[in-house]
């Protein structure tokens, strides 16, 4: 199951470069994860300073 970004996201962009499959994109107002691309590795969640990324 893909990871999701919740409302705690502060749109800092830290997670974007950590994603090995480029599944994270800038949204409005928070970043979004493309569930079809996400490989459930958790790299994004590990670096999120606001703990806004959780398993879906």
N, C-alpha and C. Protein backbone atom coordinates (compact mmCIF):
# COMPACT_ATOMS: atom_id res chain seq x y z
N UNK A 1 0.84 -1.18 0.00
CA UNK A 1 0.00 0.00 0.00
C UNK A 1 0.89 1.24 0.00
N UNK A 2 0.55 2.21 -0.82
CA UNK A 2 1.34 3.42 -0.96
C UNK A 2 1.30 4.29 0.28
N UNK A 3 2.35 5.07 0.46
CA UNK A 3 2.40 6.05 1.53
C UNK A 3 1.54 7.24 1.14
N UNK A 4 1.08 7.98 2.13
CA UNK A 4 0.28 9.18 1.89
C UNK A 4 0.84 10.33 2.72
N UNK A 5 0.61 11.54 2.23
CA UNK A 5 1.05 12.74 2.93
C UNK A 5 -0.20 13.42 3.48
N UNK A 6 -0.18 13.69 4.79
CA UNK A 6 -1.37 14.29 5.41
C UNK A 6 -1.21 15.80 5.60
N UNK A 7 -2.19 16.39 6.27
CA UNK A 7 -2.25 17.85 6.44
C UNK A 7 -1.13 18.43 7.29
N UNK A 8 -0.33 17.59 7.93
CA UNK A 8 0.80 18.08 8.71
C UNK A 8 1.95 18.55 7.81
N UNK A 9 1.85 18.25 6.52
CA UNK A 9 2.89 18.62 5.55
C UNK A 9 3.08 20.14 5.53
N UNK A 10 4.35 20.56 5.60
CA UNK A 10 4.68 21.99 5.54
C UNK A 10 5.29 22.37 4.19
N UNK A 11 5.20 21.46 3.23
CA UNK A 11 5.67 21.67 1.86
C UNK A 11 7.13 22.10 1.80
N UNK A 12 7.97 21.45 2.61
CA UNK A 12 9.39 21.80 2.63
C UNK A 12 10.16 21.15 1.47
N UNK A 13 9.64 20.06 0.92
CA UNK A 13 10.29 19.40 -0.21
C UNK A 13 11.37 18.41 0.15
N UNK A 14 11.61 18.19 1.42
CA UNK A 14 12.67 17.27 1.85
C UNK A 14 12.46 15.87 1.29
N UNK A 15 11.24 15.43 1.21
CA UNK A 15 10.92 14.08 0.78
C UNK A 15 11.15 13.82 -0.71
N UNK A 16 11.04 14.84 -1.53
CA UNK A 16 11.08 14.69 -2.98
C UNK A 16 12.34 13.97 -3.47
N UNK A 17 13.49 14.42 -3.04
CA UNK A 17 14.74 13.83 -3.51
C UNK A 17 15.03 12.46 -2.91
N UNK A 18 14.31 12.08 -1.87
CA UNK A 18 14.51 10.77 -1.24
C UNK A 18 13.78 9.66 -1.96
N UNK A 19 12.78 10.00 -2.74
CA UNK A 19 11.97 8.99 -3.41
C UNK A 19 12.72 8.38 -4.60
N UNK A 20 12.99 7.06 -4.55
CA UNK A 20 13.76 6.42 -5.62
C UNK A 20 12.99 6.27 -6.93
N UNK A 21 11.67 6.45 -6.90
CA UNK A 21 10.86 6.28 -8.11
C UNK A 21 10.14 7.57 -8.53
N UNK A 22 10.54 8.68 -7.97
CA UNK A 22 9.96 10.00 -8.29
C UNK A 22 8.44 10.00 -8.20
N UNK A 23 7.91 9.46 -7.09
CA UNK A 23 6.46 9.39 -6.90
C UNK A 23 5.89 10.60 -6.17
N UNK A 24 6.74 11.52 -5.74
CA UNK A 24 6.27 12.66 -4.95
C UNK A 24 6.34 13.92 -5.80
N UNK A 25 5.24 14.67 -5.78
CA UNK A 25 5.17 15.91 -6.55
C UNK A 25 4.59 17.02 -5.70
N UNK A 26 4.92 18.24 -6.10
CA UNK A 26 4.39 19.41 -5.40
C UNK A 26 2.91 19.53 -5.71
N UNK A 27 2.13 19.67 -4.65
CA UNK A 27 0.69 19.85 -4.81
C UNK A 27 0.30 21.20 -4.27
N UNK A 28 -0.98 21.41 -4.11
CA UNK A 28 -1.45 22.68 -3.59
C UNK A 28 -2.47 22.42 -2.49
N UNK A 29 -2.17 22.65 -1.26
CA UNK A 29 -0.98 23.33 -0.74
C UNK A 29 0.12 22.37 -0.26
N UNK A 30 -0.15 21.06 -0.25
CA UNK A 30 0.86 20.12 0.25
C UNK A 30 1.33 19.19 -0.87
N UNK A 31 2.43 18.50 -0.61
CA UNK A 31 2.96 17.55 -1.57
C UNK A 31 2.05 16.33 -1.65
N UNK A 32 2.12 15.61 -2.78
CA UNK A 32 1.29 14.42 -2.97
C UNK A 32 2.17 13.26 -3.44
N UNK A 33 1.71 12.05 -3.15
CA UNK A 33 2.40 10.84 -3.58
C UNK A 33 1.52 10.12 -4.58
N UNK A 34 2.09 9.79 -5.73
CA UNK A 34 1.38 9.04 -6.76
C UNK A 34 1.36 7.58 -6.34
N UNK A 35 0.20 7.08 -5.95
CA UNK A 35 0.07 5.72 -5.44
C UNK A 35 0.46 4.67 -6.47
N UNK A 36 0.32 4.98 -7.74
CA UNK A 36 0.69 4.03 -8.79
C UNK A 36 2.20 3.88 -8.94
N UNK A 37 2.95 4.90 -8.55
CA UNK A 37 4.41 4.86 -8.64
C UNK A 37 5.07 4.41 -7.33
N UNK A 38 4.43 4.68 -6.20
CA UNK A 38 5.01 4.41 -4.89
C UNK A 38 5.32 2.92 -4.72
N UNK A 39 6.54 2.61 -4.26
CA UNK A 39 6.95 1.22 -4.05
C UNK A 39 6.98 0.87 -2.56
N UNK A 40 6.42 1.73 -1.72
CA UNK A 40 6.26 1.46 -0.30
C UNK A 40 7.58 1.25 0.43
N UNK A 41 8.60 2.02 0.05
CA UNK A 41 9.92 1.84 0.66
C UNK A 41 10.07 2.59 1.98
N UNK A 42 9.31 3.69 2.15
CA UNK A 42 9.36 4.45 3.38
C UNK A 42 10.48 5.46 3.49
N UNK A 43 11.27 5.64 2.43
CA UNK A 43 12.38 6.59 2.47
C UNK A 43 11.88 8.01 2.73
N UNK A 44 10.76 8.36 2.17
CA UNK A 44 10.20 9.70 2.35
C UNK A 44 9.78 9.93 3.79
N UNK A 45 9.13 8.95 4.37
CA UNK A 45 8.66 9.07 5.75
C UNK A 45 9.82 9.21 6.72
N UNK A 46 10.92 8.56 6.43
CA UNK A 46 12.09 8.60 7.31
C UNK A 46 12.71 9.98 7.41
N UNK A 47 12.57 10.80 6.37
CA UNK A 47 13.20 12.12 6.37
C UNK A 47 12.23 13.28 6.62
N UNK A 48 10.96 13.00 6.71
CA UNK A 48 9.96 14.07 6.87
C UNK A 48 10.08 14.72 8.26
N UNK A 49 10.41 16.01 8.30
CA UNK A 49 10.59 16.68 9.59
C UNK A 49 9.29 16.91 10.37
N UNK A 50 8.15 16.87 9.66
CA UNK A 50 6.88 17.10 10.35
C UNK A 50 6.07 15.82 10.54
N UNK A 51 6.68 14.68 10.24
CA UNK A 51 6.03 13.37 10.38
C UNK A 51 4.67 13.34 9.68
N UNK A 52 4.63 13.90 8.47
CA UNK A 52 3.38 14.00 7.72
C UNK A 52 3.19 12.86 6.73
N UNK A 53 4.14 11.95 6.63
CA UNK A 53 4.04 10.86 5.67
C UNK A 53 3.86 9.54 6.40
N UNK A 54 2.76 8.86 6.06
CA UNK A 54 2.41 7.63 6.75
C UNK A 54 2.02 6.56 5.74
N UNK A 55 2.13 5.29 6.13
CA UNK A 55 1.64 4.22 5.24
C UNK A 55 0.14 4.41 5.01
N UNK A 56 -0.27 4.23 3.77
CA UNK A 56 -1.69 4.40 3.43
C UNK A 56 -2.46 3.23 3.84
